[in-house]
Amino acid sequence: MKKALLLSILILQITGVFAQKFTWENKEFEAVNTKVAIVNMDGVQVLKVERDLVAFPFDEKNIEVSTDGPTYVKLTDVAIENGTIEVKMLSRIMENSPFHAARGFIGVAYRVDQENKNFDAIYLRPSNGRADDQLRRNHTVQYFSYPGNTFSRLRKEANGLYETYADIGLNEWIDVRIEFQNEKAFLYINNQKSPSFIVTKMLGTSNKGSIALWVEIGTIGYFKDLKVTKK
């Protein structure tokens, strides 16, 4: 039996309608279309992030245009072309999720432009990782680029090239490292020596930009130990 995770809300609570700024782990962030709090989890301060459905409404009948968007907390005054992102993340699904097929969507966006109009991203669907359905397992890790190259479009047009399986689950800390260089990106999960996922050709139009911690519909996401290294 895993030890229960204890949460207590601290000083900061931010709604990201106006991309408000805040400081966490000695770094300045903007909350973009998200609700943010710094909470205490087992004695460690972590960042809690949820999508703000007022700032960025969700339409289950039109998933193509209401998902895979700028719903994240973004580092300010950062512009990276190539580099490495390391972060630990934990995902839970809301009890009354507005999306019946929520999977705990959580990840990282990079090369995010100042206007939040262009970026690349890799995210996880932790509830798929140990499903008893192999097709769901195959959709555990996802790449997309904004705007235009949503998960649904890439799934139709790229024949599985931009998603894969990983042995992960909900309500557990997942160690994530993303290395991105020119057109390629490599995802390493839980300190594996070999990449769990390779993006051979990224599709984003932004050559450099900021780093953001990303969540989607129905997710309560937690982040800690963020480290960004330029190359």
C-alpha atoms as a PDB file:
ATOM      1  CA  MET A   1       0.000   0.000   0.000  1.00  0.00           C
ATOM      2  CA  LYS A   2       1.476   3.299  -1.048  1.00  0.00           C
ATOM      3  CA  LYS A   3       1.773   5.998   1.515  1.00  0.00           C
ATOM      4  CA  ALA A   4      -0.997   8.559   1.219  1.00  0.00           C
ATOM      5  CA  LEU A   5       0.130  11.925  -0.098  1.00  0.00           C
ATOM      6  CA  LEU A   6      -0.673  14.762   2.255  1.00  0.00           C
ATOM      7  CA  LEU A   7      -1.528  18.141   0.807  1.00  0.00           C
ATOM      8  CA  SER A   8      -1.896  21.542   2.400  1.00  0.00           C
ATOM      9  CA  ILE A   9      -2.377  24.751   0.455  1.00  0.00           C
ATOM     10  CA  LEU A  10       0.189  27.444   1.150  1.00  0.00           C
ATOM     11  CA  ILE A  11       0.201  31.169   0.431  1.00  0.00           C
ATOM     12  CA  LEU A  12      -0.093  31.297  -3.348  1.00  0.00           C
ATOM     13  CA  GLN A  13      -3.234  30.740  -5.383  1.00  0.00           C
ATOM     14  CA  ILE A  14      -3.366  32.194  -8.893  1.00  0.00           C
ATOM     15  CA  THR A  15      -5.904  32.088 -11.680  1.00  0.00           C
ATOM     16  CA  GLY A  16      -4.166  32.415 -15.011  1.00  0.00           C
ATOM     17  CA  VAL A  17      -6.736  34.422 -16.984  1.00  0.00           C
ATOM     18  CA  PHE A  18      -4.373  37.368 -17.309  1.00  0.00           C
ATOM     19  CA  ALA A  19      -1.118  35.432 -17.290  1.00  0.00           C
ATOM     20  CA  GLN A  20      -0.270  36.563 -13.757  1.00  0.00           C
ATOM     21  CA  LYS A  21       3.290  36.186 -12.553  1.00  0.00           C
ATOM     22  CA  PHE A  22       4.534  34.313  -9.495  1.00  0.00           C
ATOM     23  CA  THR A  23       7.757  32.843  -8.111  1.00  0.00           C
ATOM     24  CA  TRP A  24       8.421  29.172  -7.382  1.00  0.00           C
ATOM     25  CA  GLU A  25      11.743  27.400  -6.779  1.00  0.00           C
ATOM     26  CA  ASN A  26      13.478  30.774  -7.262  1.00  0.00           C
ATOM     27  CA  LYS A  27      12.095  31.063 -10.792  1.00  0.00           C
ATOM     28  CA  GLU A  28       9.501  33.492 -12.136  1.00  0.00           C
ATOM     29  CA  PHE A  29       6.505  32.066 -13.999  1.00  0.00           C
ATOM     30  CA  GLU A  30       3.355  33.217 -15.753  1.00  0.00           C
ATOM     31  CA  ALA A  31       0.116  31.291 -15.270  1.00  0.00           C
ATOM     32  CA  VAL A  32      -1.482  31.001 -18.709  1.00  0.00           C
ATOM     33  CA  ASN A  33      -5.046  29.646 -18.852  1.00  0.00           C
ATOM     34  CA  THR A  34      -4.401  27.764 -15.625  1.00  0.00           C
ATOM     35  CA  LYS A  35      -5.191  27.787 -11.911  1.00  0.00           C
ATOM     36  CA  VAL A  36      -2.062  27.509  -9.799  1.00  0.00           C
ATOM     37  CA  ALA A  37      -1.208  26.900  -6.160  1.00  0.00           C
ATOM     38  CA  ILE A  38       1.961  26.116  -4.241  1.00  0.00           C
ATOM     39  CA  VAL A  39       1.136  23.222  -1.907  1.00  0.00           C
ATOM     40  CA  ASN A  40       2.932  21.079   0.632  1.00  0.00           C
ATOM     41  CA  MET A  41       3.135  17.402  -0.314  1.00  0.00           C
ATOM     42  CA  ASP A  42       4.835  15.159   2.236  1.00  0.00           C
ATOM     43  CA  GLY A  43       6.880  18.090   3.516  1.00  0.00           C
ATOM     44  CA  VAL A  44       7.961  19.382   0.097  1.00  0.00           C
ATOM     45  CA  GLN A  45       6.607  22.472  -1.658  1.00  0.00           C
ATOM     46  CA  VAL A  46       5.323  21.546  -5.109  1.00  0.00           C
ATOM     47  CA  LEU A  47       3.423  23.348  -7.821  1.00  0.00           C
ATOM     48  CA  LYS A  48      -0.213  22.371  -8.368  1.00  0.00           C
ATOM     49  CA  VAL A  49      -1.647  23.217 -11.804  1.00  0.00           C
ATOM     50  CA  GLU A  50      -5.112  22.797 -13.318  1.00  0.00           C
ATOM     51  CA  ARG A  51      -6.554  24.018 -16.594  1.00  0.00           C
ATOM     52  CA  ASP A  52      -8.756  27.111 -16.181  1.00  0.00           C
ATOM     53  CA  LEU A  53     -12.018  26.353 -17.988  1.00  0.00           C
ATOM     54  CA  VAL A  54     -13.171  29.964 -17.806  1.00  0.00           C
ATOM     55  CA  ALA A  55     -10.044  31.326 -19.457  1.00  0.00           C
ATOM     56  CA  PHE A  56      -9.827  28.441 -21.943  1.00  0.00           C
ATOM     57  CA  PRO A  57     -13.252  26.742 -22.351  1.00  0.00           C
ATOM     58  CA  PHE A  58     -13.567  23.063 -23.215  1.00  0.00           C
ATOM     59  CA  ASP A  59     -16.051  21.644 -25.726  1.00  0.00           C
ATOM     60  CA  GLU A  60     -16.206  17.841 -25.727  1.00  0.00           C
ATOM     61  CA  LYS A  61     -18.045  17.969 -29.057  1.00  0.00           C
ATOM     62  CA  ASN A  62     -15.176  19.909 -30.624  1.00  0.00           C
ATOM     63  CA  ILE A  63     -12.044  18.379 -29.096  1.00  0.00           C
ATOM     64  CA  GLU A  64      -9.887  19.336 -32.071  1.00  0.00           C
ATOM     65  CA  VAL A  65      -9.988  23.048 -31.232  1.00  0.00           C
ATOM     66  CA  SER A  66     -10.439  22.903 -27.463  1.00  0.00           C
ATOM     67  CA  THR A  67      -7.462  20.716 -26.487  1.00  0.00           C
ATOM     68  CA  ASP A  68      -3.683  20.725 -26.977  1.00  0.00           C
ATOM     69  CA  GLY A  69      -3.458  24.452 -26.416  1.00  0.00           C
ATOM     70  CA  PRO A  70      -1.602  26.952 -24.202  1.00  0.00           C
ATOM     71  CA  THR A  71      -2.689  25.689 -20.785  1.00  0.00           C
ATOM     72  CA  TYR A  72       0.453  25.917 -18.688  1.00  0.00           C
ATOM     73  CA  VAL A  73       2.703  27.866 -16.366  1.00  0.00           C
ATOM     74  CA  LYS A  74       5.572  29.409 -18.314  1.00  0.00           C
ATOM     75  CA  LEU A  75       9.012  30.573 -17.266  1.00  0.00           C
ATOM     76  CA  THR A  76       9.463  34.297 -17.856  1.00  0.00           C
ATOM     77  CA  ASP A  77      12.454  35.921 -19.566  1.00  0.00           C
ATOM     78  CA  VAL A  78      13.671  32.612 -21.027  1.00  0.00           C
ATOM     79  CA  ALA A  79      14.498  31.980 -24.688  1.00  0.00           C
ATOM     80  CA  ILE A  80      16.037  28.590 -25.473  1.00  0.00           C
ATOM     81  CA  GLU A  81      16.641  27.136 -28.909  1.00  0.00           C
ATOM     82  CA  ASN A  82      18.173  23.814 -27.832  1.00  0.00           C
ATOM     83  CA  GLY A  83      18.463  22.363 -24.357  1.00  0.00           C
ATOM     84  CA  THR A  84      17.423  19.920 -21.653  1.00  0.00           C
ATOM     85  CA  ILE A  85      14.418  20.028 -19.335  1.00  0.00           C
ATOM     86  CA  GLU A  86      14.290  17.940 -16.167  1.00  0.00           C
ATOM     87  CA  VAL A  87      11.260  17.828 -13.893  1.00  0.00           C
ATOM     88  CA  LYS A  88       9.308  15.476 -11.669  1.00  0.00           C
ATOM     89  CA  MET A  89       5.551  15.323 -12.238  1.00  0.00           C
ATOM     90  CA  LEU A  90       2.582  13.591 -10.641  1.00  0.00           C
ATOM     91  CA  SER A  91      -0.894  13.427 -12.125  1.00  0.00           C
ATOM     92  CA  ARG A  92      -4.374  12.838 -10.749  1.00  0.00           C
ATOM     93  CA  ILE A  93      -7.740  12.903 -12.457  1.00  0.00           C
ATOM     94  CA  MET A  94     -10.393  15.209 -10.984  1.00  0.00           C
ATOM     95  CA  GLU A  95     -13.246  13.419  -9.207  1.00  0.00           C
ATOM     96  CA  ASN A  96     -15.837  15.237 -11.314  1.00  0.00           C
ATOM     97  CA  SER A  97     -13.800  15.635 -14.476  1.00  0.00           C
ATOM     98  CA  PRO A  98     -15.560  17.630 -17.212  1.00  0.00           C
ATOM     99  CA  PHE A  99     -14.169  15.100 -19.715  1.00  0.00           C
ATOM    100  CA  HIS A 100     -15.187  11.452 -19.320  1.00  0.00           C
ATOM    101  CA  ALA A 101     -12.056  10.231 -21.136  1.00  0.00           C
ATOM    102  CA  ALA A 102      -9.564  12.179 -19.002  1.00  0.00           C
ATOM    103  CA  ARG A 103      -6.240  10.351 -18.772  1.00  0.00           C
ATOM    104  CA  GLY A 104      -4.262  12.568 -16.400  1.00  0.00           C
ATOM    105  CA  PHE A 105      -2.728  14.604 -19.224  1.00  0.00           C
ATOM    106  CA  ILE A 106       0.502  16.240 -17.987  1.00  0.00           C
ATOM    107  CA  GLY A 107       3.728  17.329 -19.643  1.00  0.00           C
ATOM    108  CA  VAL A 108       6.153  20.001 -20.790  1.00  0.00           C
ATOM    109  CA  ALA A 109       5.992  22.617 -23.539  1.00  0.00           C
ATOM    110  CA  TYR A 110       9.133  24.179 -24.986  1.00  0.00           C
ATOM    111  CA  ARG A 111      10.141  26.819 -27.532  1.00  0.00           C
ATOM    112  CA  VAL A 112       7.073  28.709 -26.318  1.00  0.00           C
ATOM    113  CA  ASP A 113       6.873  32.140 -27.941  1.00  0.00           C
ATOM    114  CA  GLN A 114       6.088  35.308 -25.988  1.00  0.00           C
ATOM    115  CA  GLU A 115       2.513  35.525 -27.250  1.00  0.00           C
ATOM    116  CA  ASN A 116       1.735  31.858 -26.455  1.00  0.00           C
ATOM    117  CA  LYS A 117       0.855  31.270 -30.103  1.00  0.00           C
ATOM    118  CA  ASN A 118       3.538  28.715 -31.021  1.00  0.00           C
ATOM    119  CA  PHE A 119       5.257  25.860 -29.155  1.00  0.00           C
ATOM    120  CA  ASP A 120       6.221  22.174 -29.158  1.00  0.00           C
ATOM    121  CA  ALA A 121       5.177  19.818 -26.364  1.00  0.00           C
ATOM    122  CA  ILE A 122       5.474  16.284 -25.060  1.00  0.00           C
ATOM    123  CA  TYR A 123       2.959  15.015 -22.551  1.00  0.00           C
ATOM    124  CA  LEU A 124       1.923  11.851 -20.725  1.00  0.00           C
ATOM    125  CA  ARG A 125      -1.356  10.013 -20.266  1.00  0.00           C
ATOM    126  CA  PRO A 126      -0.463   8.161 -17.044  1.00  0.00           C
ATOM    127  CA  SER A 127      -3.737   6.247 -16.758  1.00  0.00           C
ATOM    128  CA  ASN A 128      -2.977   4.562 -20.094  1.00  0.00           C
ATOM    129  CA  GLY A 129       0.379   3.188 -18.973  1.00  0.00           C
ATOM    130  CA  ARG A 130      -1.001   0.159 -17.137  1.00  0.00           C
ATOM    131  CA  ALA A 131      -4.375  -0.232 -18.824  1.00  0.00           C
ATOM    132  CA  ASP A 132      -5.480  -3.723 -19.809  1.00  0.00           C
ATOM    133  CA  ASP A 133      -6.043  -2.486 -23.364  1.00  0.00           C
ATOM    134  CA  GLN A 134      -2.932  -2.517 -25.562  1.00  0.00           C
ATOM    135  CA  LEU A 135      -4.242   0.244 -27.829  1.00  0.00           C
ATOM    136  CA  ARG A 136      -4.581   2.567 -24.838  1.00  0.00           C
ATOM    137  CA  ARG A 137      -1.087   1.638 -23.701  1.00  0.00           C
ATOM    138  CA  ASN A 138       0.247   2.644 -27.105  1.00  0.00           C
ATOM    139  CA  HIS A 139      -1.112   6.147 -26.470  1.00  0.00           C
ATOM    140  CA  THR A 140       0.710   6.783 -23.157  1.00  0.00           C
ATOM    141  CA  VAL A 141       3.202   9.377 -24.479  1.00  0.00           C
ATOM    142  CA  GLN A 142       2.271  12.106 -26.962  1.00  0.00           C
ATOM    143  CA  TYR A 143       4.050  14.818 -28.956  1.00  0.00           C
ATOM    144  CA  PHE A 144       2.174  17.736 -30.497  1.00  0.00           C
ATOM    145  CA  SER A 145       2.865  21.251 -31.692  1.00  0.00           C
ATOM    146  CA  TYR A 146       0.675  24.310 -31.370  1.00  0.00           C
ATOM    147  CA  PRO A 147      -1.109  25.474 -33.357  1.00  0.00           C
ATOM    148  CA  GLY A 148      -2.457  22.894 -35.739  1.00  0.00           C
ATOM    149  CA  ASN A 149      -0.673  19.632 -35.009  1.00  0.00           C
ATOM    150  CA  THR A 150      -2.985  18.262 -32.329  1.00  0.00           C
ATOM    151  CA  PHE A 151      -2.883  14.708 -31.031  1.00  0.00           C
ATOM    152  CA  SER A 152      -5.959  13.797 -33.083  1.00  0.00           C
ATOM    153  CA  ARG A 153      -4.504  15.129 -36.323  1.00  0.00           C
ATOM    154  CA  LEU A 154      -1.165  13.402 -35.788  1.00  0.00           C
ATOM    155  CA  ARG A 155      -2.895  10.161 -34.840  1.00  0.00           C
ATOM    156  CA  LYS A 156      -4.778  10.230 -38.144  1.00  0.00           C
ATOM    157  CA  GLU A 157      -1.909  11.367 -40.347  1.00  0.00           C
ATOM    158  CA  ALA A 158       1.322  10.046 -38.798  1.00  0.00           C
ATOM    159  CA  ASN A 159       0.400   6.418 -38.031  1.00  0.00           C
ATOM    160  CA  GLY A 160       1.657   6.362 -34.444  1.00  0.00           C
ATOM    161  CA  LEU A 161       4.923   8.170 -35.128  1.00  0.00           C
ATOM    162  CA  TYR A 162       4.248  10.838 -32.497  1.00  0.00           C
ATOM    163  CA  GLU A 163       3.105   8.646 -29.587  1.00  0.00           C
ATOM    164  CA  THR A 164       4.218   5.535 -27.755  1.00  0.00           C
ATOM    165  CA  TYR A 165       3.963   3.362 -24.622  1.00  0.00           C
ATOM    166  CA  ALA A 166       5.615   3.924 -21.244  1.00  0.00           C
ATOM    167  CA  ASP A 167       5.313   2.098 -17.917  1.00  0.00           C
ATOM    168  CA  ILE A 168       3.853   4.900 -15.792  1.00  0.00           C
ATOM    169  CA  GLY A 169       0.740   5.444 -13.700  1.00  0.00           C
ATOM    170  CA  LEU A 170      -1.403   7.982 -11.913  1.00  0.00           C
ATOM    171  CA  ASN A 171      -0.594   9.309  -8.440  1.00  0.00           C
ATOM    172  CA  GLU A 172       3.121   8.566  -8.625  1.00  0.00           C
ATOM    173  CA  TRP A 173       6.104  10.811  -9.192  1.00  0.00           C
ATOM    174  CA  ILE A 174       7.466  10.437 -12.722  1.00  0.00           C
ATOM    175  CA  ASP A 175      10.977  11.651 -13.463  1.00  0.00           C
ATOM    176  CA  VAL A 176      10.986  13.308 -16.894  1.00  0.00           C
ATOM    177  CA  ARG A 177      13.913  14.540 -18.972  1.00  0.00           C
ATOM    178  CA  ILE A 178      13.466  16.040 -22.428  1.00  0.00           C
ATOM    179  CA  GLU A 179      16.426  16.853 -24.651  1.00  0.00           C
ATOM    180  CA  PHE A 180      15.645  18.876 -27.759  1.00  0.00           C
ATOM    181  CA  GLN A 181      18.131  19.775 -30.475  1.00  0.00           C
ATOM    182  CA  ASN A 182      17.248  21.277 -33.861  1.00  0.00           C
ATOM    183  CA  GLU A 183      14.426  19.073 -35.241  1.00  0.00           C
ATOM    184  CA  LYS A 184      14.759  16.188 -32.774  1.00  0.00           C
ATOM    185  CA  ALA A 185      13.553  15.583 -29.229  1.00  0.00           C
ATOM    186  CA  PHE A 186      14.295  12.723 -26.829  1.00  0.00           C
ATOM    187  CA  LEU A 187      12.201  11.789 -23.796  1.00  0.00           C
ATOM    188  CA  TYR A 188      13.748   9.879 -20.888  1.00  0.00           C
ATOM    189  CA  ILE A 189      11.445   8.556 -18.148  1.00  0.00           C
ATOM    190  CA  ASN A 190      12.498   7.596 -14.615  1.00  0.00           C
ATOM    191  CA  ASN A 191      16.226   7.899 -15.324  1.00  0.00           C
ATOM    192  CA  GLN A 192      16.353   5.312 -18.075  1.00  0.00           C
ATOM    193  CA  LYS A 193      19.613   5.255 -20.022  1.00  0.00           C
ATOM    194  CA  SER A 194      17.854   4.940 -23.379  1.00  0.00           C
ATOM    195  CA  PRO A 195      15.066   7.274 -24.490  1.00  0.00           C
ATOM    196  CA  SER A 196      11.496   6.119 -24.020  1.00  0.00           C
ATOM    197  CA  PHE A 197      10.386   8.238 -26.965  1.00  0.00           C
ATOM    198  CA  ILE A 198      12.084   9.919 -29.923  1.00  0.00           C
ATOM    199  CA  VAL A 199      10.609  12.707 -32.023  1.00  0.00           C
ATOM    200  CA  THR A 200      12.558  12.533 -35.268  1.00  0.00           C
ATOM    201  CA  LYS A 201      11.076  15.690 -36.746  1.00  0.00           C
ATOM    202  CA  MET A 202       9.357  18.291 -34.601  1.00  0.00           C
ATOM    203  CA  LEU A 203       6.615  20.269 -36.303  1.00  0.00           C
ATOM    204  CA  GLY A 204       6.574  23.556 -34.401  1.00  0.00           C
ATOM    205  CA  THR A 205       7.281  26.849 -36.131  1.00  0.00           C
ATOM    206  CA  SER A 206       8.998  28.540 -33.183  1.00  0.00           C
ATOM    207  CA  ASN A 207      12.801  28.198 -33.323  1.00  0.00           C
ATOM    208  CA  LYS A 208      13.312  29.197 -29.692  1.00  0.00           C
ATOM    209  CA  GLY A 209      11.322  30.228 -26.680  1.00  0.00           C
ATOM    210  CA  SER A 210      10.422  29.539 -23.092  1.00  0.00           C
ATOM    211  CA  ILE A 211       9.695  26.386 -21.110  1.00  0.00           C
ATOM    212  CA  ALA A 212       6.268  25.632 -19.608  1.00  0.00           C
ATOM    213  CA  LEU A 213       4.669  23.027 -17.342  1.00  0.00           C
ATOM    214  CA  TRP A 214       1.535  21.859 -19.135  1.00  0.00           C
ATOM    215  CA  VAL A 215      -1.750  20.185 -18.141  1.00  0.00           C
ATOM    216  CA  GLU A 216      -4.986  19.360 -19.941  1.00  0.00           C
ATOM    217  CA  ILE A 217      -8.638  18.790 -19.229  1.00  0.00           C
ATOM    218  CA  GLY A 218      -9.512  16.842 -16.078  1.00  0.00           C
ATOM    219  CA  THR A 219      -5.962  16.812 -14.690  1.00  0.00           C
ATOM    220  CA  ILE A 220      -4.698  17.913 -11.311  1.00  0.00           C
ATOM    221  CA  GLY A 221      -0.975  18.150 -11.997  1.00  0.00           C
ATOM    222  CA  TYR A 222       1.906  18.487  -9.544  1.00  0.00           C
ATOM    223  CA  PHE A 223       5.481  19.488 -10.411  1.00  0.00           C
ATOM    224  CA  LYS A 224       8.776  19.785  -8.554  1.00  0.00           C
ATOM    225  CA  ASP A 225      12.559  19.942  -9.079  1.00  0.00           C
ATOM    226  CA  LEU A 226      12.471  21.800 -12.392  1.00  0.00           C
ATOM    227  CA  LYS A 227      15.867  22.226 -14.044  1.00  0.00           C
ATOM    228  CA  VAL A 228      16.459  23.804 -17.457  1.00  0.00           C
ATOM    229  CA  THR A 229      19.817  23.703 -19.227  1.00  0.00           C
ATOM    230  CA  LYS A 230      20.682  25.564 -22.429  1.00  0.00           C
ATOM    231  CA  LYS A 231      22.869  23.976 -25.084  1.00  0.00           C
END
